[in-house]
């Protein structure tokens, strides 16, 4: 595919836009071998979480909004990607240094930090420069096509979050997080009861605890780090 793209570049007087258009529309771009084959860089990982779960950043106070985004940017050096400050003109080693390339994003220093971010956003919220941001797991689950059906829910969530389809073993693993050993129908009963009485604090706490654990299970699987 390199030579045809080189031909497009030459034919268009070295304009890059036609080359990118050809690449993004090419079947190669969507080949199963290249889907979900790379580890997300730190910025993609953090911003991807915020975008996927529509995490709200305050827009009432522009100073606070600026501080929050700046705080998120300052978190990336801990993951060895200092935003706007590459180590050299060549950029970060993960983009060019063989043989590891993007695997450099995961190491003994960065993996524990990556594993801390999802539970912080899910369970307690992440305090950044005076603003607490969090993932509304129940609100997210409610956007799925059939949230009262545990198997459809797991399919929908994993298809949304993961670049590749979840395996049967992974779905069984995630169901344990959601149902905590209970039979499938218990989720339907509990979720339906919650919908009938959403202001009931006991039902709300129980259902939210389960969605929190379920999303925690999803976001700590290795597949959640792939793009």
Protein backbone atom coordinates (compact mmCIF):
# COMPACT_ATOMS: atom_id res chain seq x y z
CA UNK A 1 0.00 0.00 0.00
CA UNK A 2 3.00 2.34 0.31
CA UNK A 3 3.69 2.70 -3.39
CA UNK A 4 0.08 3.58 -4.36
CA UNK A 5 -0.01 6.21 -1.63
CA UNK A 6 3.33 7.59 -2.81
CA UNK A 7 1.83 7.83 -6.31
CA UNK A 8 -1.14 9.78 -4.91
CA UNK A 9 1.24 12.14 -3.11
CA UNK A 10 3.26 12.80 -6.27
CA UNK A 11 0.15 13.18 -8.44
CA UNK A 12 -1.24 15.81 -6.06
CA UNK A 13 1.91 17.93 -5.95
CA UNK A 14 2.79 16.58 -2.49
CA UNK A 15 -0.47 17.69 -0.88
CA UNK A 16 -0.99 15.44 2.16
CA UNK A 17 -4.81 15.72 2.31
CA UNK A 18 -5.58 13.41 -0.67
CA UNK A 19 -3.18 10.83 0.75
CA UNK A 20 -4.91 10.84 4.13
CA UNK A 21 -8.33 10.66 2.48
CA UNK A 22 -7.23 7.61 0.50
CA UNK A 23 -5.80 6.00 3.64
CA UNK A 24 -8.84 6.60 5.83
CA UNK A 25 -11.22 5.27 3.16
CA UNK A 26 -9.02 2.27 2.37
CA UNK A 27 -9.99 -1.23 3.46
CA UNK A 28 -6.47 -1.49 4.92
CA UNK A 29 -7.40 1.12 7.52
CA UNK A 30 -10.18 -1.15 8.84
CA UNK A 31 -8.38 -4.48 8.49
CA UNK A 32 -8.89 -6.76 11.51
CA UNK A 33 -5.11 -6.99 11.92
CA UNK A 34 -4.79 -3.27 12.63
CA UNK A 35 -7.91 -2.75 14.77
CA UNK A 36 -7.09 -2.66 18.46
CA UNK A 37 -3.45 -3.51 17.84
CA UNK A 38 -1.77 -0.57 19.60
CA UNK A 39 -1.56 0.57 23.21
CA UNK A 40 -3.11 4.01 23.65
CA UNK A 41 -0.70 6.77 24.52
CA UNK A 42 -1.38 8.53 27.86
CA UNK A 43 -3.27 11.46 26.34
CA UNK A 44 -5.46 9.17 24.23
CA UNK A 45 -6.08 7.02 27.29
CA UNK A 46 -7.16 9.85 29.60
CA UNK A 47 -9.07 11.91 27.05
CA UNK A 48 -10.64 8.76 25.64
CA UNK A 49 -12.11 7.96 29.06
CA UNK A 50 -13.52 11.47 29.41
CA UNK A 51 -15.02 11.40 25.91
CA UNK A 52 -16.43 7.88 26.05
CA UNK A 53 -18.23 8.53 29.33
CA UNK A 54 -19.10 12.16 28.60
CA UNK A 55 -17.38 13.26 31.82
CA UNK A 56 -18.51 16.78 32.59
CA UNK A 57 -16.00 19.59 33.09
CA UNK A 58 -17.35 22.78 34.66
CA UNK A 59 -18.19 25.40 32.03
CA UNK A 60 -19.62 28.02 34.41
CA UNK A 61 -16.26 29.21 35.71
CA UNK A 62 -13.74 29.62 32.90
CA UNK A 63 -10.83 29.90 35.35
CA UNK A 64 -11.84 26.62 36.99
CA UNK A 65 -12.29 25.01 33.59
CA UNK A 66 -8.80 26.10 32.57
CA UNK A 67 -7.32 24.82 35.84
CA UNK A 68 -9.03 21.44 35.41
CA UNK A 69 -7.80 20.92 31.86
CA UNK A 70 -4.33 22.08 32.87
CA UNK A 71 -4.37 19.65 35.80
CA UNK A 72 -5.23 16.81 33.42
CA UNK A 73 -2.36 17.84 31.15
CA UNK A 74 0.03 17.88 34.12
CA UNK A 75 -0.97 14.27 34.92
CA UNK A 76 0.46 12.94 31.66
CA UNK A 77 4.17 13.28 32.62
CA UNK A 78 3.48 10.64 35.31
CA UNK A 79 2.61 8.36 32.39
CA UNK A 80 5.83 9.43 30.60
CA UNK A 81 4.20 11.71 28.02
CA UNK A 82 4.71 15.34 28.99
CA UNK A 83 2.11 17.20 26.91
CA UNK A 84 3.68 19.78 24.55
CA UNK A 85 7.11 18.80 25.83
CA UNK A 86 8.50 15.85 23.84
CA UNK A 87 11.96 14.67 24.91
CA UNK A 88 13.48 15.58 21.53
CA UNK A 89 12.56 16.74 18.04
CA UNK A 90 12.01 13.06 17.21
CA UNK A 91 9.11 12.94 19.67
CA UNK A 92 8.41 10.17 22.14
CA UNK A 93 10.33 6.92 21.79
CA UNK A 94 7.11 4.90 21.62
CA UNK A 95 6.59 6.21 18.08
CA UNK A 96 9.94 5.26 16.62
CA UNK A 97 12.14 3.07 18.79
CA UNK A 98 12.25 -0.57 17.68
CA UNK A 99 11.42 -3.18 18.70
CA UNK A 100 9.01 -2.06 21.44
CA UNK A 101 7.41 1.01 19.84
CA UNK A 102 3.98 1.67 21.50
CA UNK A 103 4.63 -1.07 24.08
CA UNK A 104 6.85 1.48 25.83
CA UNK A 105 3.69 3.15 27.14
CA UNK A 106 3.21 0.21 29.51
CA UNK A 107 5.95 -0.47 32.03
CA UNK A 108 6.45 -1.03 35.75
CA UNK A 109 6.13 2.71 36.44
CA UNK A 110 3.18 3.64 34.22
CA UNK A 111 0.96 0.55 34.55
CA UNK A 112 0.09 1.09 38.24
CA UNK A 113 -0.82 4.73 37.46
CA UNK A 114 -2.98 3.71 34.50
CA UNK A 115 -4.75 1.20 36.72
CA UNK A 116 -5.50 3.86 39.36
CA UNK A 117 -7.24 6.36 37.05
CA UNK A 118 -10.42 4.35 36.17
CA UNK A 119 -11.33 3.44 39.79
CA UNK A 120 -10.62 7.02 40.88
CA UNK A 121 -13.05 8.33 38.26
CA UNK A 122 -15.62 5.64 39.10
CA UNK A 123 -15.67 5.37 42.88
CA UNK A 124 -14.51 8.64 44.44
CA UNK A 125 -14.10 11.06 41.58
CA UNK A 126 -10.80 12.59 40.57
CA UNK A 127 -10.01 15.85 42.33
CA UNK A 128 -8.17 18.18 39.95
CA UNK A 129 -7.36 21.73 40.99
CA UNK A 130 -10.46 21.99 43.17
CA UNK A 131 -12.93 20.31 40.80
CA UNK A 132 -14.03 16.71 41.17
CA UNK A 133 -14.69 14.90 37.91
CA UNK A 134 -16.23 11.43 37.78
CA UNK A 135 -17.82 8.78 35.57
CA UNK A 136 -21.58 8.48 35.98
CA UNK A 137 -21.68 4.70 35.52
CA UNK A 138 -25.43 4.39 35.97
CA UNK A 139 -26.10 7.19 33.49
CA UNK A 140 -23.79 5.47 31.04
CA UNK A 141 -25.49 2.09 31.43
CA UNK A 142 -28.87 3.75 30.89
CA UNK A 143 -27.76 4.80 27.39
CA UNK A 144 -27.31 1.20 26.25
CA UNK A 145 -29.92 -0.45 24.01
CA UNK A 146 -31.34 -2.91 26.57
CA UNK A 147 -29.84 -2.19 30.00
CA UNK A 148 -32.27 -4.49 31.82
CA UNK A 149 -30.92 -7.57 29.97
CA UNK A 150 -27.56 -8.46 31.50
CA UNK A 151 -26.19 -10.26 28.43
CA UNK A 152 -27.20 -7.55 25.95
CA UNK A 153 -25.85 -4.93 28.35
CA UNK A 154 -22.45 -6.63 28.56
CA UNK A 155 -22.35 -6.98 24.75
CA UNK A 156 -23.26 -3.31 24.24
CA UNK A 157 -20.77 -1.97 26.78
CA UNK A 158 -17.84 -4.10 25.63
CA UNK A 159 -18.54 -3.31 21.97
CA UNK A 160 -18.59 0.38 22.86
CA UNK A 161 -15.45 0.41 25.00
CA UNK A 162 -13.20 -2.16 23.35
CA UNK A 163 -11.65 -2.01 19.89
CA UNK A 164 -12.16 -5.78 19.47
CA UNK A 165 -15.16 -7.95 20.49
CA UNK A 166 -14.92 -9.36 24.00
CA UNK A 167 -14.34 -13.10 24.33
CA UNK A 168 -16.80 -15.43 26.07
CA UNK A 169 -14.36 -15.76 28.98
CA UNK A 170 -14.17 -11.97 29.35
CA UNK A 171 -17.97 -11.68 29.33
CA UNK A 172 -18.25 -14.30 32.06
CA UNK A 173 -15.59 -12.42 34.04
CA UNK A 174 -17.45 -9.11 33.68
CA UNK A 175 -20.78 -10.71 34.58
CA UNK A 176 -19.27 -11.71 37.94
CA UNK A 177 -18.51 -8.04 38.59
CA UNK A 178 -22.06 -7.01 37.70
CA UNK A 179 -24.08 -9.84 39.29
CA UNK A 180 -21.65 -10.85 42.06
CA UNK A 181 -22.57 -14.52 41.61
CA UNK A 182 -26.35 -14.02 41.32
CA UNK A 183 -28.36 -15.56 38.45
CA UNK A 184 -29.01 -13.47 35.35
CA UNK A 185 -32.66 -12.74 36.11
CA UNK A 186 -31.74 -10.96 39.36
CA UNK A 187 -30.29 -8.06 37.37
CA UNK A 188 -33.50 -7.69 35.36
CA UNK A 189 -35.60 -7.71 38.55
CA UNK A 190 -33.39 -5.20 40.37
CA UNK A 191 -32.98 -2.87 37.42
CA UNK A 192 -36.72 -2.91 36.66
CA UNK A 193 -37.50 -2.18 40.32
CA UNK A 194 -35.09 0.74 40.18
CA UNK A 195 -36.76 2.15 37.04
CA UNK A 196 -40.14 1.89 38.78
CA UNK A 197 -38.84 3.74 41.85
CA UNK A 198 -35.70 5.71 40.87
CA UNK A 199 -35.86 7.92 43.97
CA UNK A 200 -35.57 4.98 46.34
CA UNK A 201 -32.13 5.49 47.94
CA UNK A 202 -31.60 1.79 48.68
CA UNK A 203 -32.37 0.72 45.11
CA UNK A 204 -30.23 3.56 43.74
CA UNK A 205 -27.24 2.67 45.91
CA UNK A 206 -27.46 -1.03 45.08
CA UNK A 207 -27.76 -0.56 41.33
CA UNK A 208 -25.02 2.09 41.26
CA UNK A 209 -22.66 -0.13 43.24
CA UNK A 210 -23.14 -2.87 40.66
CA UNK A 211 -22.62 -0.57 37.68
CA UNK A 212 -19.53 0.88 39.36
CA UNK A 213 -18.02 -2.58 39.82
CA UNK A 214 -18.99 -3.61 36.30
CA UNK A 215 -17.33 -0.59 34.67
CA UNK A 216 -14.32 -1.01 36.94
CA UNK A 217 -14.00 -4.56 35.63
CA UNK A 218 -14.23 -3.31 32.03
CA UNK A 219 -11.71 -0.50 32.39
CA UNK A 220 -9.08 -2.60 34.12
CA UNK A 221 -9.03 -5.29 31.43
CA UNK A 222 -5.94 -5.01 29.19
CA UNK A 223 -8.26 -4.55 26.19
CA UNK A 224 -9.36 -1.18 27.53
CA UNK A 225 -5.81 0.12 26.87
CA UNK A 226 -5.89 -0.78 23.17
CA UNK A 227 -6.83 1.36 20.19
